[in-house]
Protein backbone atom coordinates (compact mmCIF):
# COMPACT_ATOMS: atom_id res chain seq x y z
CA MET A 1 -3.67 -3.90 15.29
CA LYS A 2 -3.88 -4.47 18.35
CA ARG A 3 -2.12 -2.32 20.08
CA LYS A 4 -3.07 0.35 17.55
CA ILE A 5 -6.51 0.11 19.12
CA LEU A 6 -4.97 -0.20 22.30
CA VAL A 7 -3.54 3.69 21.78
CA ILE A 8 -6.05 4.95 20.31
CA ALA A 9 -8.32 4.18 23.15
CA ALA A 10 -5.66 5.80 24.99
CA VAL A 11 -5.73 8.81 23.42
CA ALA A 12 -9.48 8.45 24.09
CA ILE A 13 -9.44 7.98 27.31
CA PHE A 14 -6.72 11.19 27.87
CA THR A 15 -8.35 13.49 26.05
CA VAL A 16 -11.79 13.49 27.73
CA CYS A 17 -9.90 13.26 31.61
CA VAL A 18 -7.84 16.37 29.83
CA SER A 19 -11.48 17.79 29.48
CA VAL A 20 -13.06 16.75 32.36
CA SER A 21 -9.99 17.90 34.39
CA ARG A 22 -10.27 21.50 32.76
CA ALA A 23 -14.54 21.44 33.14
CA MET A 24 -14.34 21.05 36.93
CA ALA A 25 -11.05 23.73 37.48
CA VAL A 26 -13.76 26.50 36.13
CA PRO A 27 -16.22 27.55 39.10
CA GLN A 28 -19.61 26.97 38.29
CA PRO A 29 -21.59 30.67 37.64
CA THR A 30 -23.18 30.53 41.03
CA GLU A 31 -20.30 30.13 42.77
CA GLU A 32 -18.31 33.08 41.18
CA VAL A 33 -20.98 35.55 41.73
CA ARG A 34 -20.88 34.45 45.44
CA SER A 35 -17.21 34.56 46.17
CA MET A 36 -17.14 37.71 45.20
CA MET A 37 -20.93 38.89 47.07
CA ASN A 38 -19.05 37.48 50.69
CA LYS A 39 -15.97 39.63 49.62
CA VAL A 40 -18.22 42.60 49.30
CA LEU A 41 -20.12 42.08 52.09
CA ARG A 42 -17.01 41.58 54.23
CA LEU A 43 -15.70 44.80 52.97
CA LEU A 44 -18.89 46.09 53.56
CA ASN A 45 -18.95 45.27 57.18
CA ASP A 46 -15.45 45.55 58.00
CA GLU A 47 -15.95 49.05 60.80
CA THR A 48 -11.90 49.01 60.84
CA MET A 49 -10.71 49.39 57.32
CA PRO A 50 -10.45 52.83 56.09
CA ASP A 51 -12.60 54.26 52.99
CA ALA A 52 -10.06 54.50 50.61
CA ILE A 53 -8.67 50.97 50.99
CA ARG A 54 -12.74 49.75 51.10
CA GLN A 55 -13.11 51.31 48.12
CA GLN A 56 -9.90 50.11 46.19
CA LYS A 57 -10.69 46.55 47.27
CA LEU A 58 -14.36 46.52 46.01
CA LYS A 59 -13.59 47.52 42.98
CA THR A 60 -10.90 45.48 42.75
CA ALA A 61 -13.39 42.52 43.99
CA ILE A 62 -16.44 43.49 41.00
CA LEU A 63 -14.45 43.99 38.46
CA TYR A 64 -12.45 40.96 38.23
CA VAL A 65 -16.69 38.96 37.23
CA ILE A 66 -17.34 41.72 35.12
CA ASP A 67 -16.77 41.31 31.46
CA ARG A 68 -16.49 44.35 29.93
CA ASP A 69 -16.50 43.97 26.57
CA GLU A 70 -19.74 42.24 26.20
CA MET A 71 -21.38 44.55 28.79
CA SER A 72 -20.20 47.19 26.44
CA LYS A 73 -21.25 45.65 23.02
CA ARG A 74 -24.58 45.40 24.46
CA ALA A 75 -25.13 48.83 25.51
CA LEU A 76 -24.32 50.14 22.66
CA GLY A 77 -26.89 47.69 20.84
CA ILE A 78 -27.30 48.44 16.89
CA HIS A 79 -24.27 51.26 16.97
CA PHE A 80 -22.31 48.84 18.38
CA ALA A 81 -21.04 47.13 14.66
CA SER A 82 -20.33 51.29 13.24
CA ASN A 83 -18.08 51.74 16.18
CA LYS A 84 -16.88 48.24 16.68
CA ASP A 85 -13.00 50.07 16.39
CA ARG A 86 -13.77 52.90 19.70
CA LEU A 87 -14.17 49.90 22.09
CA ASN A 88 -11.53 50.53 23.47
CA GLU A 89 -12.18 53.95 24.02
CA PHE A 90 -15.61 53.07 25.95
CA GLY A 91 -15.36 50.28 27.50
CA PRO A 92 -12.95 52.11 30.01
CA LEU A 93 -15.37 55.24 30.08
CA PHE A 94 -18.55 53.15 30.54
CA LEU A 95 -16.86 50.87 33.50
CA GLU A 96 -16.14 53.97 35.34
CA LEU A 97 -19.19 55.48 34.75
CA ILE A 98 -21.06 52.55 36.36
CA GLU A 99 -18.75 52.69 39.33
CA LYS A 100 -19.02 56.11 40.26
CA ALA A 101 -23.08 56.12 39.80
CA TYR A 102 -23.44 52.58 41.63
CA PHE A 103 -20.29 51.61 43.72
CA SER A 104 -20.89 54.49 46.24
CA ARG A 105 -23.93 52.83 47.07
CA LEU A 106 -23.24 49.47 47.87
CA ASN A 107 -23.18 51.14 52.06
CA ALA A 108 -26.92 50.38 51.62
CA MET A 109 -25.59 46.70 51.19
CA LYS A 110 -23.89 46.45 54.80
CA GLY A 111 -25.70 43.40 56.60
CA ALA A 112 -27.46 42.34 53.78
CA VAL A 113 -28.26 38.72 53.74
CA ILE A 114 -27.85 36.97 50.08
CA ASP A 115 -30.16 33.59 48.53
CA PHE A 116 -28.49 32.08 45.58
CA THR A 117 -31.84 30.57 44.65
CA GLY A 118 -30.17 28.98 41.12
CA GLU A 119 -28.87 28.71 37.80
CA ASP A 120 -29.65 28.57 33.95
CA VAL A 121 -26.94 27.51 31.75
CA ASN A 122 -27.10 27.01 28.58
CA GLU A 123 -23.74 26.81 25.86
CA GLY A 124 -21.35 29.42 27.73
CA TYR A 125 -24.05 31.87 28.77
CA ALA A 126 -25.95 31.99 32.66
CA ILE A 127 -28.10 33.10 34.38
CA VAL A 128 -27.44 33.03 38.58
CA HIS A 129 -30.94 33.83 40.43
CA SER A 130 -30.77 35.42 43.67
CA ARG A 131 -32.75 37.22 46.23
CA ILE A 132 -31.03 39.64 48.60
CA PHE A 133 -32.32 41.17 51.97
CA ALA A 134 -31.31 43.65 53.52
CA GLN A 135 -31.74 45.78 56.51
CA GLY A 136 -34.86 48.46 56.08
CA LYS A 137 -35.00 47.92 52.47
CA ASP A 138 -37.45 45.56 50.34
CA GLU A 139 -35.84 42.38 49.58
CA LEU A 140 -34.38 42.66 45.74
CA PHE A 141 -35.04 40.05 43.11
CA VAL A 142 -30.98 40.01 40.80
CA ASP A 143 -29.93 37.99 38.41
CA TYR A 144 -27.02 37.78 36.90
CA ARG A 145 -26.11 37.23 33.46
CA MET A 146 -22.42 35.38 32.93
CA ARG A 147 -20.63 34.73 29.87
CA LEU A 148 -17.75 31.64 29.86
CA SER A 149 -15.19 33.97 28.36
CA GLU A 150 -11.68 33.99 28.88
CA GLY A 151 -12.00 30.76 30.87
CA ARG A 152 -14.34 31.43 33.29
CA TRP A 153 -17.84 32.97 34.59
CA ARG A 154 -18.29 36.86 34.34
CA ILE A 155 -20.92 39.21 34.43
CA TYR A 156 -22.27 41.43 31.72
CA ASP A 157 -25.88 42.57 33.06
CA ILE A 158 -27.89 42.62 36.09
CA TYR A 159 -31.57 42.78 35.93
CA ILE A 160 -33.27 43.25 39.32
CA SER A 161 -36.94 41.87 38.77
CA SER A 162 -38.18 42.91 41.65
CA PRO A 163 -39.59 45.69 42.50
CA PHE A 164 -38.37 47.52 39.61
CA ASN A 165 -38.12 44.96 36.70
CA MET A 166 -35.01 46.83 34.87
CA SER A 167 -31.85 45.45 33.30
CA LEU A 168 -28.67 48.04 34.12
CA VAL A 169 -27.59 47.19 30.06
CA SER A 170 -31.47 47.94 28.47
CA SER A 171 -31.27 51.14 31.01
CA TYR A 172 -27.52 51.73 29.30
CA ARG A 173 -28.79 51.04 25.81
CA ALA A 174 -31.99 53.02 25.59
CA GLN A 175 -29.87 55.79 26.62
CA PHE A 176 -27.43 55.05 24.26
CA ASN A 177 -29.80 55.32 21.63
CA ARG A 178 -31.00 58.29 22.06
CA LEU A 179 -27.49 60.02 22.22
CA LEU A 180 -26.54 58.40 19.39
CA SER A 181 -29.30 59.58 17.10
CA LYS A 182 -28.21 62.79 17.87
CA MET A 183 -24.66 63.15 18.54
CA SER A 184 -21.50 61.76 16.61
CA PHE A 185 -19.38 58.88 18.55
CA ASP A 186 -16.60 61.15 19.55
CA GLU A 187 -19.74 63.34 21.44
CA VAL A 188 -20.90 60.29 23.45
CA LEU A 189 -17.91 59.94 24.59
CA GLN A 190 -17.63 63.40 25.41
CA ARG A 191 -20.23 62.91 27.87
CA LEU A 192 -19.36 60.05 29.30
CA ARG A 193 -16.31 61.76 30.44
CA GLU A 194 -17.97 64.60 31.79
CA LYS A 195 -20.56 62.92 33.77
CA ILE A 196 -18.49 60.02 35.75
CA ASN A 197 -17.79 62.95 38.07
CA THR A 198 -21.83 62.97 38.53
CA LYS A 199 -22.37 60.04 40.41
CA ASP A 200 -25.81 59.58 39.47
CA GLY A 201 -25.40 57.41 36.35
CA ARG A 202 -27.74 59.31 33.64
CA LEU A 203 -26.25 60.03 30.13
CA ASP A 204 -29.77 62.48 28.89
């Protein structure tokens, strides 16, 4: 009986240790964002790097922490359920639109200072709060909304509370709502393809 109790206790301790070690191995949400932003700033501040290489490295650093599927689902909103089998088509196009529209504007971040002011974590979701100070620009208050996915924290939305009071996903969700009220999903996909190279990020 004592031996059985000892075995059960050993298994319980082992299970707890494994769970703790796994939890410790996952970088916290703020650290994921901080790591990404540090890479972005280093690349932007490297005057010796050719632009083409810099853009590719920026893309790699940013997309690593983006949860494409979650961002796409939330952007589609109420239209996701009826088009979920098309997510593999929609997701890459949507992310490419964002990339072309916003990555080219990252030069405005050159020399910026980022202050991470806190994080809220709740059952696999998190919000990382930050302030961004860029030379000659208004101070930005930026929240990174994240989800624990595939063993790491990934961004599914970015919210700028000041001075714009704007969520990236909600902005696109409103546009997709308007488009899908008068167009088929195939037509929306075609609109995405056409808009990708305009670099303004607008769909309607």
